[in-house]
Each structure stands twice: as C-alpha cells, then as structure tokens.
Amino acid sequence: MSSKERPTLGGTRIKTRKRNIAAPLDPAAFSDAVVQIYLDNAGDLELIAKSIESSDLNFSRYGDTFFEVVFTGGRTQPGTTKPDEGDRHPYSIIECEPKREVILPSVIYIQKILRRRPFLIKNLENVMRKFLQSLELFEENERKKLAIFTALAFSQKLSGLPPETVFQPLLKDNLVAKGLVLSFMTDFFKEYLIDNSLDDLISILKRGKVEENLLDIFPPTKRSNEAFSEHFTKEGLVALVEYNEKKNFEVKLKEMKSSLTAQLTEEADTSEVIETVKLRVRDAKLPDIEVVRILWDVLMDAVQWSGKNQQQNANAALRQVSFGYFACMPNADLVYLRSFENSCFMSLVKF
C-alpha cells in the first residue's frame, strides 16, 4: 500500500496562534508613581486629583495599593500596616493632625476620585477593613484619625460606603477586650454627631448591624448598661445614653407583657401572676404607670369579650379588681382609670 502526499495550498503560510501574555504584577512601581504625584504637587489635593485623572496608571489593577498610599503615605506589607520598601510621602491621612478640618479635604479628595472611578469603592472597602481589623498596630492618635475619617466619610456619604464594611470588622474579640473598639467608636460617635442627628447615627448603626448590640463594643468585664451610661455620659453623649435607656426600657416592658400573656393564657393563679409582676418590676425598675398600662392591656386582650353573655363579661371585669395592688400611686391610679375608660369606649364603638 503506497502512501500519498497530502495536498497543500501554494503560497500560504500557517501562523501559530500566540497566547495573551499577562504583564506581571508590579505594585511597587505603581506605588512609587502615585507617591511621586503627591511629592510633585507638594500635597495639594486639588492638583493631585487632576494629575491622577490625567495619568495612565492602572487603578483597576492596583486599587488597594492606591488607598494604602492615600492613608499611610506608601505601600504596606501584606497582612499588616507596616510600611513596605519604596518611596513614601508625608501628606497621608495618618500623618496629618487629628482634626476634622484637616482630614475633611482628604475625604472630599477621595470622593472626587471615586466619582471618576467608581470601581475603586471596593478597594476602599478592602483597605478600610484591613486597617480596622488591625487597630492594635496603630498608635492612639492614628486610631483617632481613622475614626474621624470614618465619621466624615459617612457624613459626606462617601459613594455609598457600606456601614457593615466598617463596623463588622471591628468586633474582633481581641480588639474589644483591649478597649480599642470602645475608644474608636466613642471618637466616631462624637465626630459624627457634630453634623448629624442621633436618628442619622442610629440609622447607620442599624445598617451596620450593631445597633441591637451596642454593649458588644465594651470589654467583657465592663459590659453592662450601667457602664454604658457612665462612659458615654462622661464623654458628653447624653442623647445616646437616653436612647439606650429607652430601648432597654421597651425591651423589658415587652418581656413582661409576653410573660403575662403566657401566664394568663395558661390561666395561672392570680397570686402567681402578681408575684411574677412584682419580681419583674423590682429587677427591671419599671415605673408603676407603665406596669398598670401593660397589665390592663394584657388582661383585656386575654378576655374573650362578648356582647351577648353579660354574666361572663361581668365576671371578666371583676377579675381586674385583684390588680389594684399595682395602682397604689396617684398617677398610676389615674392611668388605670383612663385605661378603663378607653376600654369602655372601644367596647361601645364595637358593639
């Protein structure tokens, strides 16, 4: 069997496909280039922003490195806040004075950069998360600068910076135990409330998923409502103390109402219910006025009122008399009467 040569096309040349060759990462060169822009413009953020805008630097590849230069003046070693080899500049956020009027221009500068390059918001989140998880590596005044920057960033609504990115990394056990988180959050609260209301602050804390557990920022040995009130009153944050006390008060009332509802549903003995209420009043230090209001509401909800069976209605109403023990104060007695009048009025409207 003879082999035949395969036919070929004359005058053609077969080209070998070349693979795309990825350029190696070089964050050091990028960092040095950004540092040089800072140095060439002597720290003038307006001029720096214009120079960065006209540069051909690869921000999409080295976004984290860019914000390291902004915050610390140069590139940091992987996993730490320690400076890495390479050029540095003295105009970083960490190097400036811990004053809002000094740090605010940096916040506005970053806002301008993010408007031009919105994809960098993720890199800002990465760098802030890294720094906040490493608070113990910063000096006390450096931590204060970070707290002021964070407060101003939220005040200026820095391109939708998510609160959970800031607050969740802080809740590391070792940072909390050393009191670093309490100190950081105290500086943050004080700075943020200069330009914003308490409602604005609570909204951010809720979005950051820490509003329900504000005591978690305290070291375990000082984690109590008393310590909360003492600390923030001393720091001049009375509005925050009042908010926390009101929230705790509402929680205690809700717990007592739930407990009473369960007992009445199970038709517990009246004396047992009274003892339960007395115990909760003593432990939670609830005022008589609120206790009477809750007692009445729970009891009225527990009774199956009917417009037809008058005898059952009479027996149900007589049951309320046993709770006169808690209406011994003039104001509480007045609340009791008003609650009774309101119930009668609602019954007339209903039937």
Protein backbone atom coordinates (compact mmCIF):
# COMPACT_ATOMS: atom_id res chain seq x y z
CA MET A 1 0.00 0.00 0.00
CA SER A 2 1.61 3.24 -1.12
CA SER A 3 1.31 6.42 0.89
CA LYS A 4 0.19 9.57 -0.89
CA GLU A 5 1.30 13.06 -0.04
CA ARG A 6 -1.38 15.32 1.35
CA PRO A 7 -2.33 18.23 -0.85
CA THR A 8 -1.16 21.68 0.17
CA LEU A 9 -2.11 25.19 -0.86
CA GLY A 10 0.65 27.01 -2.56
CA GLY A 11 1.69 30.49 -1.48
CA THR A 12 0.18 30.23 2.01
CA ARG A 13 1.84 30.27 5.39
CA ILE A 14 0.35 28.75 8.52
CA LYS A 15 0.57 31.12 11.51
CA THR A 16 0.83 29.84 15.04
CA ARG A 17 -1.67 31.46 17.43
CA LYS A 18 0.06 33.37 20.20
CA ARG A 19 -1.33 33.36 23.71
CA ASN A 20 -2.03 36.60 25.53
CA ILE A 21 0.88 37.25 27.83
CA ALA A 22 -0.25 38.81 31.12
CA ALA A 23 2.00 41.52 32.46
CA PRO A 24 3.40 40.63 35.89
CA LEU A 25 2.06 42.49 38.90
CA ASP A 26 4.23 45.39 39.98
CA PRO A 27 2.51 47.22 42.87
CA ALA A 28 5.83 48.74 43.94
CA ALA A 29 6.19 50.67 40.68
CA PHE A 30 2.55 51.80 40.89
CA SER A 31 3.01 52.94 44.49
CA ASP A 32 6.17 54.88 43.64
CA ALA A 33 4.36 56.60 40.75
CA VAL A 34 1.47 57.74 42.98
CA VAL A 35 3.88 58.87 45.70
CA GLN A 36 5.75 60.92 43.11
CA ILE A 37 2.49 62.64 42.11
CA TYR A 38 1.98 63.64 45.76
CA LEU A 39 5.54 64.92 46.02
CA ASP A 40 5.44 66.81 42.71
CA ASN A 41 2.30 68.66 43.86
CA ALA A 42 3.51 69.22 47.43
CA GLY A 43 0.44 67.55 48.92
CA ASP A 44 -2.07 69.88 47.19
CA LEU A 45 -5.05 67.53 46.87
CA GLU A 46 -6.70 69.57 44.11
CA LEU A 47 -3.60 69.32 41.93
CA ILE A 48 -3.03 65.69 42.90
CA ALA A 49 -6.58 64.78 41.82
CA LYS A 50 -6.03 66.44 38.43
CA SER A 51 -2.68 64.68 37.94
CA ILE A 52 -4.20 61.32 38.81
CA GLU A 53 -7.08 61.96 36.42
CA SER A 54 -4.69 62.61 33.53
CA SER A 55 -2.34 59.74 34.37
CA ASP A 56 -2.38 56.36 32.64
CA LEU A 57 -1.82 54.36 35.83
CA ASN A 58 -3.64 51.04 36.11
CA PHE A 59 -6.03 51.77 39.00
CA SER A 60 -8.22 48.78 38.24
CA ARG A 61 -5.29 46.50 39.00
CA TYR A 62 -3.72 48.34 41.91
CA GLY A 63 -6.72 49.92 43.67
CA ASP A 64 -5.78 48.59 47.11
CA THR A 65 -2.24 49.92 46.70
CA PHE A 66 -3.59 53.35 45.77
CA PHE A 67 -5.58 53.67 49.01
CA GLU A 68 -2.65 52.39 51.05
CA VAL A 69 -0.67 55.33 49.64
CA VAL A 70 -3.55 57.71 50.45
CA PHE A 71 -3.89 56.53 54.06
CA THR A 72 -0.31 55.72 55.06
CA GLY A 73 1.90 57.51 52.53
CA GLY A 74 3.15 54.38 50.80
CA ARG A 75 2.68 50.69 50.22
CA THR A 76 2.16 48.46 53.28
CA GLN A 77 3.40 44.94 53.83
CA PRO A 78 0.86 42.19 53.06
CA GLY A 79 -1.40 41.48 56.05
CA THR A 80 -0.03 44.35 58.15
CA THR A 81 0.01 48.13 58.37
CA LYS A 82 3.81 48.29 58.45
CA PRO A 83 5.39 50.27 55.61
CA ASP A 84 6.92 48.26 52.80
CA GLU A 85 10.03 49.18 50.83
CA GLY A 86 9.66 52.00 48.35
CA ASP A 87 9.05 55.74 48.21
CA ARG A 88 6.74 57.46 50.68
CA HIS A 89 5.12 60.88 51.04
CA PRO A 90 4.32 62.92 54.20
CA TYR A 91 0.81 64.03 53.18
CA SER A 92 -1.16 60.92 54.17
CA ILE A 93 -4.21 60.78 56.43
CA ILE A 94 -2.19 59.00 59.13
CA GLU A 95 0.43 61.76 59.12
CA CYS A 96 -1.94 64.73 59.41
CA GLU A 97 -3.36 66.32 62.56
CA PRO A 98 -6.32 64.54 64.23
CA LYS A 99 -8.71 67.38 63.42
CA ARG A 100 -11.82 67.33 61.25
CA GLU A 101 -10.87 70.46 59.31
CA VAL A 102 -7.55 68.82 58.36
CA ILE A 103 -8.98 65.40 57.45
CA LEU A 104 -12.11 66.62 55.61
CA PRO A 105 -10.17 67.66 52.45
CA SER A 106 -8.91 64.06 52.15
CA VAL A 107 -12.50 62.78 52.31
CA ILE A 108 -13.57 65.21 49.57
CA TYR A 109 -10.50 64.25 47.52
CA ILE A 110 -11.36 60.54 47.73
CA GLN A 111 -14.95 61.38 46.80
CA LYS A 112 -13.71 63.04 43.60
CA ILE A 113 -11.55 60.03 42.74
CA LEU A 114 -14.48 57.64 43.30
CA ARG A 115 -16.79 59.69 41.09
CA ARG A 116 -14.34 59.30 38.23
CA ARG A 117 -13.52 55.69 39.05
CA PRO A 118 -16.50 54.18 40.93
CA PHE A 119 -14.99 50.69 40.73
CA LEU A 120 -12.45 51.80 43.37
CA ILE A 121 -15.11 51.74 46.12
CA LYS A 122 -14.41 48.02 46.59
CA ASN A 123 -10.73 48.74 47.02
CA LEU A 124 -11.52 51.41 49.62
CA GLU A 125 -13.64 48.84 51.48
CA ASN A 126 -10.78 46.33 51.36
CA VAL A 127 -8.22 48.76 52.75
CA MET A 128 -10.51 50.11 55.48
CA ARG A 129 -11.42 46.57 56.53
CA LYS A 130 -7.73 45.69 56.69
CA PHE A 131 -6.87 48.72 58.82
CA LEU A 132 -9.83 48.38 61.19
CA GLN A 133 -9.04 44.73 61.81
CA SER A 134 -5.52 45.81 62.75
CA LEU A 135 -6.28 48.72 65.08
CA GLU A 136 -3.79 47.46 67.65
CA LEU A 137 -0.97 48.13 65.15
CA PHE A 138 -1.77 51.86 65.09
CA GLU A 139 -0.87 54.48 67.66
CA GLU A 140 -3.67 56.07 69.70
CA ASN A 141 -3.67 59.32 67.72
CA GLU A 142 -3.63 57.34 64.45
CA ARG A 143 -6.72 55.40 65.53
CA LYS A 144 -8.41 58.70 66.30
CA LYS A 145 -7.63 59.93 62.78
CA LEU A 146 -9.19 56.80 61.32
CA ALA A 147 -12.30 57.33 63.48
CA ILE A 148 -12.60 60.96 62.37
CA PHE A 149 -12.14 59.95 58.72
CA THR A 150 -14.82 57.27 59.07
CA ALA A 151 -17.30 59.71 60.63
CA LEU A 152 -16.66 62.32 57.94
CA ALA A 153 -16.93 59.65 55.23
CA PHE A 154 -20.45 58.80 56.40
CA SER A 155 -21.35 62.47 56.85
CA GLN A 156 -20.27 63.19 53.28
CA LYS A 157 -22.00 59.99 52.06
CA LEU A 158 -18.78 58.76 50.52
CA SER A 159 -20.04 56.99 47.38
CA GLY A 160 -22.27 54.61 49.28
CA LEU A 161 -19.63 53.20 51.65
CA PRO A 162 -21.49 50.31 53.38
CA PRO A 163 -21.61 50.68 57.20
CA GLU A 164 -21.21 46.92 57.68
CA THR A 165 -17.81 47.19 55.98
CA VAL A 166 -16.71 49.50 58.79
CA PHE A 167 -18.40 48.14 61.89
CA GLN A 168 -18.32 44.37 61.44
CA PRO A 169 -14.50 44.06 61.20
CA LEU A 170 -14.22 45.96 64.49
CA LEU A 171 -16.00 43.29 66.52
CA LYS A 172 -12.96 41.06 66.89
CA ASP A 173 -12.65 39.66 70.40
CA ASN A 174 -9.06 40.80 70.91
CA LEU A 175 -9.81 44.38 69.80
CA VAL A 176 -12.90 44.57 72.01
CA ALA A 177 -11.11 43.11 75.04
CA LYS A 178 -8.32 45.72 74.79
CA GLY A 179 -10.86 48.56 74.74
CA LEU A 180 -9.72 49.68 71.27
CA VAL A 181 -13.18 49.31 69.74
CA LEU A 182 -14.83 51.33 72.51
CA SER A 183 -12.29 54.11 72.07
CA PHE A 184 -12.68 54.10 68.27
CA MET A 185 -16.48 54.10 68.39
CA THR A 186 -16.53 56.86 71.01
CA ASP A 187 -14.42 59.11 68.76
CA PHE A 188 -16.64 58.14 65.82
CA PHE A 189 -19.88 58.97 67.69
CA LYS A 190 -18.59 62.34 68.89
CA GLU A 191 -17.36 63.37 65.45
CA TYR A 192 -20.41 62.15 63.53
CA LEU A 193 -22.91 63.87 65.84
CA ILE A 194 -21.33 67.27 65.19
CA ASP A 195 -23.06 67.49 61.80
CA ASN A 196 -25.74 64.82 62.09
CA SER A 197 -28.68 63.91 64.32
CA LEU A 198 -28.96 60.96 66.66
CA ASP A 199 -31.53 59.44 64.28
CA ASP A 200 -28.93 59.57 61.49
CA LEU A 201 -26.43 57.81 63.74
CA ILE A 202 -28.90 55.10 64.74
CA SER A 203 -29.76 54.56 61.07
CA ILE A 204 -26.09 53.94 60.24
CA LEU A 205 -25.67 51.62 63.23
CA LYS A 206 -28.71 49.62 62.13
CA ARG A 207 -27.36 49.27 58.61
CA GLY A 208 -24.05 48.24 60.13
CA LYS A 209 -25.88 45.58 62.19
CA VAL A 210 -24.55 46.81 65.53
CA GLU A 211 -27.45 48.91 66.85
CA GLU A 212 -29.08 45.96 68.61
CA ASN A 213 -25.85 45.03 70.39
CA LEU A 214 -24.14 48.27 71.33
CA LEU A 215 -22.88 46.68 74.53
CA ASP A 216 -20.70 44.40 72.39
CA ILE A 217 -18.23 47.24 71.83
CA PHE A 218 -17.43 47.19 75.57
CA PRO A 219 -14.80 44.83 77.00
CA PRO A 220 -16.46 41.78 78.64
CA THR A 221 -15.52 42.98 82.14
CA LYS A 222 -17.35 46.30 81.59
CA ARG A 223 -20.29 45.07 79.53
CA SER A 224 -23.34 46.42 81.38
CA ASN A 225 -25.96 49.11 80.88
CA GLU A 226 -24.60 50.94 83.90
CA ALA A 227 -21.11 51.05 82.36
CA PHE A 228 -22.64 52.19 79.05
CA SER A 229 -24.44 55.10 80.72
CA GLU A 230 -21.43 56.08 82.81
CA HIS A 231 -18.96 56.03 79.91
CA PHE A 232 -20.98 57.94 77.33
CA THR A 233 -22.32 60.45 79.87
CA LYS A 234 -18.72 61.22 80.76
CA GLU A 235 -17.94 61.67 77.04
CA GLY A 236 -20.83 64.12 76.64
CA LEU A 237 -23.04 61.77 74.59
CA VAL A 238 -26.12 62.10 76.79
CA ALA A 239 -28.53 61.69 73.85
CA LEU A 240 -27.04 58.27 73.09
CA VAL A 241 -27.37 57.27 76.75
CA GLU A 242 -31.04 58.29 76.79
CA TYR A 243 -31.67 56.35 73.59
CA ASN A 244 -30.10 53.22 75.04
CA GLU A 245 -32.07 53.54 78.28
CA LYS A 246 -35.32 53.96 76.35
CA LYS A 247 -34.54 50.94 74.18
CA ASN A 248 -33.75 48.79 77.23
CA PHE A 249 -36.93 50.01 78.92
CA GLU A 250 -39.03 48.98 75.92
CA VAL A 251 -37.36 45.57 75.83
CA LYS A 252 -38.16 44.99 79.50
CA LEU A 253 -41.78 46.04 79.00
CA LYS A 254 -42.08 43.71 76.03
CA GLU A 255 -40.63 40.81 78.02
CA MET A 256 -43.04 41.43 80.91
CA LYS A 257 -46.00 41.67 78.55
CA SER A 258 -45.03 38.40 76.89
CA SER A 259 -44.64 36.67 80.25
CA LEU A 260 -48.02 37.93 81.50
CA THR A 261 -49.76 36.90 78.29
CA ALA A 262 -48.37 33.38 78.63
CA GLN A 263 -49.48 33.09 82.26
CA LEU A 264 -53.00 34.35 81.57
CA THR A 265 -53.32 32.06 78.58
CA GLU A 266 -52.45 29.15 80.86
CA GLU A 267 -54.97 30.53 83.42
CA ALA A 268 -52.34 30.81 86.14
CA ASP A 269 -53.46 31.74 89.65
CA THR A 270 -53.85 35.48 90.23
CA SER A 271 -51.42 35.46 93.17
CA GLU A 272 -48.80 33.79 90.94
CA VAL A 273 -49.25 36.46 88.27
CA ILE A 274 -48.91 39.21 90.88
CA GLU A 275 -45.68 37.71 92.20
CA THR A 276 -44.28 37.49 88.68
CA VAL A 277 -45.09 41.14 88.04
CA LYS A 278 -43.60 42.22 91.37
CA LEU A 279 -40.39 40.32 90.59
CA ARG A 280 -40.01 41.88 87.14
CA VAL A 281 -40.82 45.37 88.45
CA ARG A 282 -38.13 45.01 91.10
CA ASP A 283 -35.47 43.62 88.76
CA ALA A 284 -36.17 45.97 85.84
CA LYS A 285 -37.07 49.01 87.98
CA LEU A 286 -40.22 49.66 85.97
CA PRO A 287 -42.45 52.61 86.95
CA ASP A 288 -45.94 51.92 88.30
CA ILE A 289 -47.56 53.86 85.45
CA GLU A 290 -46.17 51.59 82.73
CA VAL A 291 -46.86 48.47 84.77
CA VAL A 292 -50.54 49.38 85.15
CA ARG A 293 -50.87 50.18 81.46
CA ILE A 294 -49.35 46.85 80.43
CA LEU A 295 -51.39 44.91 82.98
CA TRP A 296 -54.60 46.39 81.71
CA ASP A 297 -53.77 45.83 78.03
CA VAL A 298 -52.74 42.22 78.62
CA LEU A 299 -55.79 41.45 80.72
CA MET A 300 -58.20 43.00 78.27
CA ASP A 301 -56.61 41.07 75.40
CA ALA A 302 -56.81 37.84 77.40
CA VAL A 303 -60.58 38.13 77.98
CA GLN A 304 -62.91 36.93 75.23
CA TRP A 305 -65.41 39.80 75.32
CA SER A 306 -68.92 39.19 74.06
CA GLY A 307 -71.87 41.49 73.55
CA LYS A 308 -74.33 38.70 74.32
CA ASN A 309 -73.20 36.99 77.52
CA GLN A 310 -73.43 39.72 80.15
CA GLN A 311 -72.60 37.38 83.05
CA GLN A 312 -69.28 36.37 81.50
CA ASN A 313 -68.44 40.00 80.85
CA ALA A 314 -69.18 40.87 84.48
CA ASN A 315 -67.00 38.04 85.78
CA ALA A 316 -64.19 39.02 83.44
CA ALA A 317 -64.38 42.63 84.55
CA LEU A 318 -64.36 41.66 88.24
CA ARG A 319 -61.14 39.79 87.64
CA GLN A 320 -59.35 43.12 87.09
CA VAL A 321 -60.01 44.26 90.66
CA SER A 322 -57.35 41.91 92.01
CA PHE A 323 -54.66 44.02 90.37
CA GLY A 324 -55.40 47.17 92.31
CA TYR A 325 -52.18 46.42 94.20
CA PHE A 326 -50.19 47.98 91.36
CA ALA A 327 -52.29 51.14 91.19
CA CYS A 328 -51.45 52.38 94.66
CA MET A 329 -49.79 55.61 93.46
CA PRO A 330 -51.95 58.61 92.38
CA ASN A 331 -50.52 58.77 88.85
CA ALA A 332 -50.79 55.01 88.39
CA ASP A 333 -54.38 55.10 89.63
CA LEU A 334 -55.15 57.80 87.04
CA VAL A 335 -53.63 55.68 84.27
CA TYR A 336 -55.73 52.74 85.44
CA LEU A 337 -58.92 54.81 85.25
CA ARG A 338 -58.07 56.21 81.83
CA SER A 339 -57.30 52.73 80.52
CA PHE A 340 -60.65 51.54 81.89
CA GLU A 341 -62.49 54.46 80.25
CA ASN A 342 -60.75 53.80 76.94
CA SER A 343 -61.71 50.12 77.05
CA CYS A 344 -65.35 51.01 77.77
CA PHE A 345 -65.39 53.49 74.91
CA MET A 346 -63.91 50.97 72.47
CA SER A 347 -66.46 48.39 73.59
CA LEU A 348 -69.34 50.79 72.93
CA VAL A 349 -67.97 51.57 69.48
CA LYS A 350 -67.52 47.88 68.70
CA PHE A 351 -70.89 46.67 69.93
